[in-house]
Amino acid sequence: MFVLGILGVAASNYLYYLSIQRTNVATAIILQYTAPVWVLLYTIARGLQRSTWQRIAAVALAVSGIALVIGIFGSEGFRLDTIGVLAALAAAFSFAFYNIGGHSILSRYDRWTVLLYVILSASLFWIVVNQPWKIVAANYSESQWVFLLAFSLLSVLAPFSLYFAGLQHLEPTRAIVVSCLEPVFSIVIAVIALGEVMRPLQTLGIALVLVAIVIVQLPDRKTQQEIPLVEPME
């Protein structure tokens, strides 16, 4: 659980932000969201899943849809930087790791126990890397502390709690393809809340992601031996 928290949760978030800093959002997202490819390749190589048309098509559609949603063919496009690209690819591997490792651990332990130790290990890691007195020395205002608290609850604790719940019921490939809805929701919320305009290619990308999610959830009658789904251990 501690390895999952450090190499999965902490690493994937830090490397993703580093990639954005060194490149741009489009480059970071499209490289990080190659994670479904790595999950699929790993599970097939280990014999945990079969290479069915549903999984291959779903992963291909999801990655293609993300590329369109983030505007990879727009004016900004890719901005390549060696460290940024390597960070984004490492974030993809970390994301894939905690999908596969999280599903395996959740099959044996209670979800809330797993979540506690995963978040605890990630927090302890950052306390060592970024010591508390450095944060205190930043002299954040009261409103900034309130924002950080709300952000940690709504953007970290709640999503990870729900995602771990999903990993209990879905195999890693299905779970990670569904997670491709994240940038889709970002675009939709920006349109609704900020009045941004959704371009035709973004609409097509959203459609591709939705189709991918439907395809990957289709039952595979030919495959009987899959990664076992587990019942919630409440």
C-alpha atoms as a PDB file:
ATOM      1  CA  MET A   1       0.000   0.000   0.000  1.00  0.00           C
ATOM      2  CA  PHE A   2       2.880   2.369   0.794  1.00  0.00           C
ATOM      3  CA  VAL A   3       4.565   1.574  -2.523  1.00  0.00           C
ATOM      4  CA  LEU A   4       1.267   2.183  -4.296  1.00  0.00           C
ATOM      5  CA  GLY A   5       0.863   5.523  -2.545  1.00  0.00           C
ATOM      6  CA  ILE A   6       4.361   6.764  -3.379  1.00  0.00           C
ATOM      7  CA  LEU A   7       5.044   5.304  -6.841  1.00  0.00           C
ATOM      8  CA  GLY A   8       1.412   5.424  -7.936  1.00  0.00           C
ATOM      9  CA  VAL A   9      -0.547   8.305  -6.435  1.00  0.00           C
ATOM     10  CA  ALA A  10       2.232  10.748  -5.447  1.00  0.00           C
ATOM     11  CA  ALA A  11       4.420  10.105  -8.487  1.00  0.00           C
ATOM     12  CA  SER A  12       1.656  10.281 -11.094  1.00  0.00           C
ATOM     13  CA  ASN A  13       0.391  13.640  -9.821  1.00  0.00           C
ATOM     14  CA  TYR A  14       3.819  15.226  -9.406  1.00  0.00           C
ATOM     15  CA  LEU A  15       5.122  14.019 -12.777  1.00  0.00           C
ATOM     16  CA  TYR A  16       1.947  15.219 -14.517  1.00  0.00           C
ATOM     17  CA  TYR A  17       2.319  18.737 -13.067  1.00  0.00           C
ATOM     18  CA  LEU A  18       6.035  18.738 -13.928  1.00  0.00           C
ATOM     19  CA  SER A  19       5.186  17.814 -17.509  1.00  0.00           C
ATOM     20  CA  ILE A  20       2.658  20.657 -17.755  1.00  0.00           C
ATOM     21  CA  GLN A  21       5.280  23.064 -16.414  1.00  0.00           C
ATOM     22  CA  ARG A  22       7.907  21.953 -18.932  1.00  0.00           C
ATOM     23  CA  THR A  23       5.625  21.451 -21.970  1.00  0.00           C
ATOM     24  CA  ASN A  24       1.900  22.304 -22.075  1.00  0.00           C
ATOM     25  CA  VAL A  25      -1.410  20.781 -21.045  1.00  0.00           C
ATOM     26  CA  ALA A  26      -1.999  19.118 -24.429  1.00  0.00           C
ATOM     27  CA  THR A  27       1.346  17.336 -24.390  1.00  0.00           C
ATOM     28  CA  ALA A  28       1.047  16.272 -20.751  1.00  0.00           C
ATOM     29  CA  ILE A  29      -2.498  14.934 -21.013  1.00  0.00           C
ATOM     30  CA  ILE A  30      -2.094  12.984 -24.238  1.00  0.00           C
ATOM     31  CA  LEU A  31       1.096  11.316 -22.997  1.00  0.00           C
ATOM     32  CA  GLN A  32      -0.328  10.572 -19.544  1.00  0.00           C
ATOM     33  CA  TYR A  33      -3.456   9.117 -21.101  1.00  0.00           C
ATOM     34  CA  THR A  34      -1.436   6.509 -22.942  1.00  0.00           C
ATOM     35  CA  ALA A  35      -1.815   4.712 -19.593  1.00  0.00           C
ATOM     36  CA  PRO A  36      -4.714   2.551 -20.899  1.00  0.00           C
ATOM     37  CA  VAL A  37      -2.328   1.202 -23.535  1.00  0.00           C
ATOM     38  CA  TRP A  38       0.225   0.167 -20.911  1.00  0.00           C
ATOM     39  CA  VAL A  39      -2.456  -1.411 -18.705  1.00  0.00           C
ATOM     40  CA  LEU A  40      -3.801  -3.408 -21.639  1.00  0.00           C
ATOM     41  CA  LEU A  41      -0.346  -4.548 -22.763  1.00  0.00           C
ATOM     42  CA  TYR A  42       0.614  -5.567 -19.216  1.00  0.00           C
ATOM     43  CA  THR A  43      -2.525  -7.549 -18.497  1.00  0.00           C
ATOM     44  CA  ILE A  44      -2.290  -9.338 -21.856  1.00  0.00           C
ATOM     45  CA  ALA A  45       1.435 -10.078 -21.406  1.00  0.00           C
ATOM     46  CA  ARG A  46       0.774 -11.510 -17.932  1.00  0.00           C
ATOM     47  CA  GLY A  47      -2.102 -13.602 -19.224  1.00  0.00           C
ATOM     48  CA  LEU A  48      -4.557 -11.800 -16.957  1.00  0.00           C
ATOM     49  CA  GLN A  49      -6.763 -10.807 -19.915  1.00  0.00           C
ATOM     50  CA  ARG A  50      -7.235 -11.824 -23.508  1.00  0.00           C
ATOM     51  CA  SER A  51      -6.512  -9.520 -26.413  1.00  0.00           C
ATOM     52  CA  THR A  52     -10.143  -9.044 -27.432  1.00  0.00           C
ATOM     53  CA  TRP A  53     -11.392  -6.598 -30.037  1.00  0.00           C
ATOM     54  CA  GLN A  54     -13.395  -4.752 -27.373  1.00  0.00           C
ATOM     55  CA  ARG A  55     -10.341  -3.887 -25.308  1.00  0.00           C
ATOM     56  CA  ILE A  56      -8.083  -2.973 -28.224  1.00  0.00           C
ATOM     57  CA  ALA A  57     -10.765  -0.852 -29.908  1.00  0.00           C
ATOM     58  CA  ALA A  58     -11.750   0.823 -26.632  1.00  0.00           C
ATOM     59  CA  VAL A  59      -8.171   1.798 -25.773  1.00  0.00           C
ATOM     60  CA  ALA A  60      -7.520   3.096 -29.302  1.00  0.00           C
ATOM     61  CA  LEU A  61     -10.749   5.119 -29.334  1.00  0.00           C
ATOM     62  CA  ALA A  62     -10.143   6.509 -25.839  1.00  0.00           C
ATOM     63  CA  VAL A  63      -6.616   7.734 -26.645  1.00  0.00           C
ATOM     64  CA  SER A  64      -7.780   9.175 -29.985  1.00  0.00           C
ATOM     65  CA  GLY A  65     -10.731  10.881 -28.324  1.00  0.00           C
ATOM     66  CA  ILE A  66      -8.492  12.457 -25.670  1.00  0.00           C
ATOM     67  CA  ALA A  67      -6.219  13.784 -28.425  1.00  0.00           C
ATOM     68  CA  LEU A  68      -9.182  15.499 -30.084  1.00  0.00           C
ATOM     69  CA  VAL A  69     -10.696  16.753 -26.826  1.00  0.00           C
ATOM     70  CA  ILE A  70      -7.529  18.548 -25.729  1.00  0.00           C
ATOM     71  CA  GLY A  71      -7.106  20.141 -29.169  1.00  0.00           C
ATOM     72  CA  ILE A  72      -3.947  18.367 -30.229  1.00  0.00           C
ATOM     73  CA  PHE A  73      -4.523  19.613 -33.768  1.00  0.00           C
ATOM     74  CA  GLY A  74      -5.140  23.194 -32.637  1.00  0.00           C
ATOM     75  CA  SER A  75      -2.832  26.164 -32.761  1.00  0.00           C
ATOM     76  CA  GLU A  76      -0.857  25.164 -29.665  1.00  0.00           C
ATOM     77  CA  GLY A  77      -0.427  21.452 -30.338  1.00  0.00           C
ATOM     78  CA  PHE A  78       2.558  19.622 -28.929  1.00  0.00           C
ATOM     79  CA  ARG A  79       5.399  21.494 -27.257  1.00  0.00           C
ATOM     80  CA  LEU A  80       8.239  19.035 -26.813  1.00  0.00           C
ATOM     81  CA  ASP A  81      10.745  19.197 -23.991  1.00  0.00           C
ATOM     82  CA  THR A  82      12.881  16.188 -23.045  1.00  0.00           C
ATOM     83  CA  ILE A  83      12.256  16.377 -19.299  1.00  0.00           C
ATOM     84  CA  GLY A  84       8.573  17.225 -19.796  1.00  0.00           C
ATOM     85  CA  VAL A  85       7.974  14.349 -22.203  1.00  0.00           C
ATOM     86  CA  LEU A  86       9.802  11.859 -19.974  1.00  0.00           C
ATOM     87  CA  ALA A  87       7.825  13.120 -16.959  1.00  0.00           C
ATOM     88  CA  ALA A  88       4.511  12.656 -18.789  1.00  0.00           C
ATOM     89  CA  LEU A  89       5.436   9.118 -19.866  1.00  0.00           C
ATOM     90  CA  ALA A  90       6.532   8.303 -16.311  1.00  0.00           C
ATOM     91  CA  ALA A  91       3.193   9.690 -15.085  1.00  0.00           C
ATOM     92  CA  ALA A  92       1.441   7.334 -17.498  1.00  0.00           C
ATOM     93  CA  PHE A  93       3.358   4.365 -16.084  1.00  0.00           C
ATOM     94  CA  SER A  94       2.551   5.471 -12.524  1.00  0.00           C
ATOM     95  CA  PHE A  95      -1.127   5.853 -13.421  1.00  0.00           C
ATOM     96  CA  ALA A  96      -1.114   2.384 -14.966  1.00  0.00           C
ATOM     97  CA  PHE A  97       0.714   0.996 -11.925  1.00  0.00           C
ATOM     98  CA  TYR A  98      -1.809   2.148  -9.370  1.00  0.00           C
ATOM     99  CA  ASN A  99      -4.675   0.883 -11.533  1.00  0.00           C
ATOM    100  CA  ILE A 100      -3.199  -2.612 -11.702  1.00  0.00           C
ATOM    101  CA  GLY A 101      -1.778  -2.622  -8.180  1.00  0.00           C
ATOM    102  CA  GLY A 102      -4.859  -1.001  -6.697  1.00  0.00           C
ATOM    103  CA  HIS A 103      -7.176  -3.617  -8.179  1.00  0.00           C
ATOM    104  CA  SER A 104      -4.983  -6.401  -6.833  1.00  0.00           C
ATOM    105  CA  ILE A 105      -4.835  -4.954  -3.301  1.00  0.00           C
ATOM    106  CA  LEU A 106      -8.555  -4.144  -3.247  1.00  0.00           C
ATOM    107  CA  SER A 107      -9.309  -7.791  -3.915  1.00  0.00           C
ATOM    108  CA  ARG A 108      -7.786  -8.636  -0.521  1.00  0.00           C
ATOM    109  CA  TYR A 109      -8.333  -5.616   1.727  1.00  0.00           C
ATOM    110  CA  ASP A 110     -11.092  -3.215   2.666  1.00  0.00           C
ATOM    111  CA  ARG A 111     -11.296  -0.161   0.377  1.00  0.00           C
ATOM    112  CA  TRP A 112     -11.113   2.360   3.216  1.00  0.00           C
ATOM    113  CA  THR A 113      -8.064   0.644   4.700  1.00  0.00           C
ATOM    114  CA  VAL A 114      -6.324   0.761   1.329  1.00  0.00           C
ATOM    115  CA  LEU A 115      -7.272   4.399   0.809  1.00  0.00           C
ATOM    116  CA  LEU A 116      -6.030   5.348   4.296  1.00  0.00           C
ATOM    117  CA  TYR A 117      -2.581   3.838   3.839  1.00  0.00           C
ATOM    118  CA  VAL A 118      -2.189   4.964   0.244  1.00  0.00           C
ATOM    119  CA  ILE A 119      -3.003   8.601   1.074  1.00  0.00           C
ATOM    120  CA  LEU A 120      -0.943   8.385   4.280  1.00  0.00           C
ATOM    121  CA  SER A 121       2.131   7.122   2.431  1.00  0.00           C
ATOM    122  CA  ALA A 122       1.801   9.816  -0.242  1.00  0.00           C
ATOM    123  CA  SER A 123       1.448  12.476   2.474  1.00  0.00           C
ATOM    124  CA  LEU A 124       4.496  11.220   4.412  1.00  0.00           C
ATOM    125  CA  PHE A 125       6.502  11.197   1.198  1.00  0.00           C
ATOM    126  CA  TRP A 126       5.678  14.845   0.510  1.00  0.00           C
ATOM    127  CA  ILE A 127       6.362  15.836   4.121  1.00  0.00           C
ATOM    128  CA  VAL A 128       9.917  14.574   3.606  1.00  0.00           C
ATOM    129  CA  VAL A 129      10.335  16.106   0.140  1.00  0.00           C
ATOM    130  CA  ASN A 130       8.579  19.406   0.870  1.00  0.00           C
ATOM    131  CA  GLN A 131       8.982  20.038   4.585  1.00  0.00           C
ATOM    132  CA  PRO A 132       6.080  21.654   6.490  1.00  0.00           C
ATOM    133  CA  TRP A 133       8.143  24.677   7.559  1.00  0.00           C
ATOM    134  CA  LYS A 134       8.614  25.601   3.913  1.00  0.00           C
ATOM    135  CA  ILE A 135       4.844  25.692   3.522  1.00  0.00           C
ATOM    136  CA  VAL A 136       4.458  27.773   6.685  1.00  0.00           C
ATOM    137  CA  ALA A 137       7.155  30.149   5.428  1.00  0.00           C
ATOM    138  CA  ALA A 138       5.072  30.788   2.303  1.00  0.00           C
ATOM    139  CA  ASN A 139       2.701  32.865   4.493  1.00  0.00           C
ATOM    140  CA  TYR A 140      -0.523  31.800   2.815  1.00  0.00           C
ATOM    141  CA  SER A 141      -3.563  33.874   3.656  1.00  0.00           C
ATOM    142  CA  GLU A 142      -6.598  32.462   5.432  1.00  0.00           C
ATOM    143  CA  SER A 143      -8.564  32.319   2.188  1.00  0.00           C
ATOM    144  CA  GLN A 144      -5.709  30.456   0.498  1.00  0.00           C
ATOM    145  CA  TRP A 145      -5.659  27.856   3.286  1.00  0.00           C
ATOM    146  CA  VAL A 146      -9.408  27.409   2.918  1.00  0.00           C
ATOM    147  CA  PHE A 147      -8.974  26.934  -0.822  1.00  0.00           C
ATOM    148  CA  LEU A 148      -6.200  24.358  -0.295  1.00  0.00           C
ATOM    149  CA  LEU A 149      -8.377  22.452   2.176  1.00  0.00           C
ATOM    150  CA  ALA A 150     -11.366  22.442  -0.176  1.00  0.00           C
ATOM    151  CA  PHE A 151      -9.136  21.493  -3.105  1.00  0.00           C
ATOM    152  CA  SER A 152      -7.623  18.569  -1.202  1.00  0.00           C
ATOM    153  CA  LEU A 153     -11.051  17.247  -0.224  1.00  0.00           C
ATOM    154  CA  LEU A 154     -12.829  17.746  -3.544  1.00  0.00           C
ATOM    155  CA  SER A 155      -9.997  17.097  -5.984  1.00  0.00           C
ATOM    156  CA  VAL A 156      -7.975  14.453  -4.150  1.00  0.00           C
ATOM    157  CA  LEU A 157      -9.795  12.628  -1.357  1.00  0.00           C
ATOM    158  CA  ALA A 158     -13.221  12.361  -3.015  1.00  0.00           C
ATOM    159  CA  PRO A 159     -11.958  11.317  -6.484  1.00  0.00           C
ATOM    160  CA  PHE A 160      -9.558   8.697  -5.121  1.00  0.00           C
ATOM    161  CA  SER A 161     -12.276   7.307  -2.835  1.00  0.00           C
ATOM    162  CA  LEU A 162     -14.642   6.930  -5.775  1.00  0.00           C
ATOM    163  CA  TYR A 163     -11.967   5.609  -8.115  1.00  0.00           C
ATOM    164  CA  PHE A 164     -10.898   2.935  -5.644  1.00  0.00           C
ATOM    165  CA  ALA A 165     -14.555   1.964  -5.319  1.00  0.00           C
ATOM    166  CA  GLY A 166     -14.659   1.573  -9.093  1.00  0.00           C
ATOM    167  CA  LEU A 167     -11.524  -0.573  -9.090  1.00  0.00           C
ATOM    168  CA  GLN A 168     -13.303  -2.999  -6.783  1.00  0.00           C
ATOM    169  CA  HIS A 169     -15.929  -3.664  -9.425  1.00  0.00           C
ATOM    170  CA  LEU A 170     -14.020  -3.175 -12.691  1.00  0.00           C
ATOM    171  CA  GLU A 171     -10.930  -4.808 -14.113  1.00  0.00           C
ATOM    172  CA  PRO A 172      -8.017  -2.341 -14.630  1.00  0.00           C
ATOM    173  CA  THR A 173      -8.542  -1.918 -18.389  1.00  0.00           C
ATOM    174  CA  ARG A 174     -12.208  -1.016 -17.993  1.00  0.00           C
ATOM    175  CA  ALA A 175     -11.521   1.320 -15.067  1.00  0.00           C
ATOM    176  CA  ILE A 176      -8.728   3.236 -16.772  1.00  0.00           C
ATOM    177  CA  VAL A 177     -10.684   3.660 -20.019  1.00  0.00           C
ATOM    178  CA  VAL A 178     -13.592   5.120 -18.039  1.00  0.00           C
ATOM    179  CA  SER A 179     -11.110   7.491 -16.355  1.00  0.00           C
ATOM    180  CA  CYS A 180     -10.561   9.062 -19.785  1.00  0.00           C
ATOM    181  CA  LEU A 181     -13.766  10.985 -19.062  1.00  0.00           C
ATOM    182  CA  GLU A 182     -11.710  13.328 -16.857  1.00  0.00           C
ATOM    183  CA  PRO A 183     -10.567  15.731 -19.620  1.00  0.00           C
ATOM    184  CA  VAL A 184     -13.972  15.354 -21.267  1.00  0.00           C
ATOM    185  CA  PHE A 185     -15.692  16.648 -18.139  1.00  0.00           C
ATOM    186  CA  SER A 186     -13.125  19.450 -17.947  1.00  0.00           C
ATOM    187  CA  ILE A 187     -14.143  20.675 -21.395  1.00  0.00           C
ATOM    188  CA  VAL A 188     -17.880  20.308 -20.715  1.00  0.00           C
ATOM    189  CA  ILE A 189     -17.635  22.155 -17.370  1.00  0.00           C
ATOM    190  CA  ALA A 190     -15.632  24.931 -19.030  1.00  0.00           C
ATOM    191  CA  VAL A 191     -18.362  25.296 -21.642  1.00  0.00           C
ATOM    192  CA  ILE A 192     -21.152  25.414 -19.036  1.00  0.00           C
ATOM    193  CA  ALA A 193     -19.451  27.454 -16.298  1.00  0.00           C
ATOM    194  CA  LEU A 194     -17.061  29.666 -18.244  1.00  0.00           C
ATOM    195  CA  GLY A 195     -18.879  30.043 -21.537  1.00  0.00           C
ATOM    196  CA  GLU A 196     -16.067  28.526 -23.571  1.00  0.00           C
ATOM    197  CA  VAL A 197     -16.851  27.301 -27.080  1.00  0.00           C
ATOM    198  CA  MET A 198     -16.625  23.603 -27.863  1.00  0.00           C
ATOM    199  CA  ARG A 199     -15.035  23.021 -31.256  1.00  0.00           C
ATOM    200  CA  PRO A 200     -16.307  20.316 -33.643  1.00  0.00           C
ATOM    201  CA  LEU A 201     -13.179  18.186 -33.165  1.00  0.00           C
ATOM    202  CA  GLN A 202     -13.648  18.320 -29.396  1.00  0.00           C
ATOM    203  CA  THR A 203     -17.232  17.146 -29.807  1.00  0.00           C
ATOM    204  CA  LEU A 204     -15.992  14.277 -31.959  1.00  0.00           C
ATOM    205  CA  GLY A 205     -13.370  13.451 -29.325  1.00  0.00           C
ATOM    206  CA  ILE A 206     -16.003  13.311 -26.584  1.00  0.00           C
ATOM    207  CA  ALA A 207     -18.089  10.988 -28.746  1.00  0.00           C
ATOM    208  CA  LEU A 208     -15.088   8.695 -29.280  1.00  0.00           C
ATOM    209  CA  VAL A 209     -14.390   8.498 -25.537  1.00  0.00           C
ATOM    210  CA  LEU A 210     -18.035   7.683 -24.808  1.00  0.00           C
ATOM    211  CA  VAL A 211     -18.044   4.987 -27.497  1.00  0.00           C
ATOM    212  CA  ALA A 212     -14.823   3.556 -26.031  1.00  0.00           C
ATOM    213  CA  ILE A 213     -16.407   3.336 -22.581  1.00  0.00           C
ATOM    214  CA  VAL A 214     -19.450   1.533 -23.976  1.00  0.00           C
ATOM    215  CA  ILE A 215     -17.309  -0.896 -25.984  1.00  0.00           C
ATOM    216  CA  VAL A 216     -14.976  -1.794 -23.124  1.00  0.00           C
ATOM    217  CA  GLN A 217     -17.963  -2.581 -20.875  1.00  0.00           C
ATOM    218  CA  LEU A 218     -19.458  -5.054 -23.339  1.00  0.00           C
ATOM    219  CA  PRO A 219     -19.375  -8.599 -21.962  1.00  0.00           C
ATOM    220  CA  ASP A 220     -16.791 -10.887 -23.473  1.00  0.00           C
ATOM    221  CA  ARG A 221     -18.470 -14.264 -23.637  1.00  0.00           C
ATOM    222  CA  LYS A 222     -15.374 -16.001 -24.936  1.00  0.00           C
ATOM    223  CA  THR A 223     -13.304 -15.020 -21.930  1.00  0.00           C
ATOM    224  CA  GLN A 224     -14.129 -16.878 -18.765  1.00  0.00           C
ATOM    225  CA  GLN A 225     -10.901 -16.384 -16.820  1.00  0.00           C
ATOM    226  CA  GLU A 226     -10.521 -12.720 -16.082  1.00  0.00           C
ATOM    227  CA  ILE A 227      -9.117 -10.751 -13.224  1.00  0.00           C
ATOM    228  CA  PRO A 228     -11.719 -11.588 -10.579  1.00  0.00           C
ATOM    229  CA  LEU A 229     -14.141  -8.882  -9.638  1.00  0.00           C
ATOM    230  CA  VAL A 230     -14.545  -8.443  -5.927  1.00  0.00           C
ATOM    231  CA  GLU A 231     -17.477  -7.572  -3.791  1.00  0.00           C
ATOM    232  CA  PRO A 232     -17.236  -4.439  -1.638  1.00  0.00           C
ATOM    233  CA  MET A 233     -15.612  -5.181   1.716  1.00  0.00           C
ATOM    234  CA  GLU A 234     -17.543  -2.726   3.825  1.00  0.00           C
END
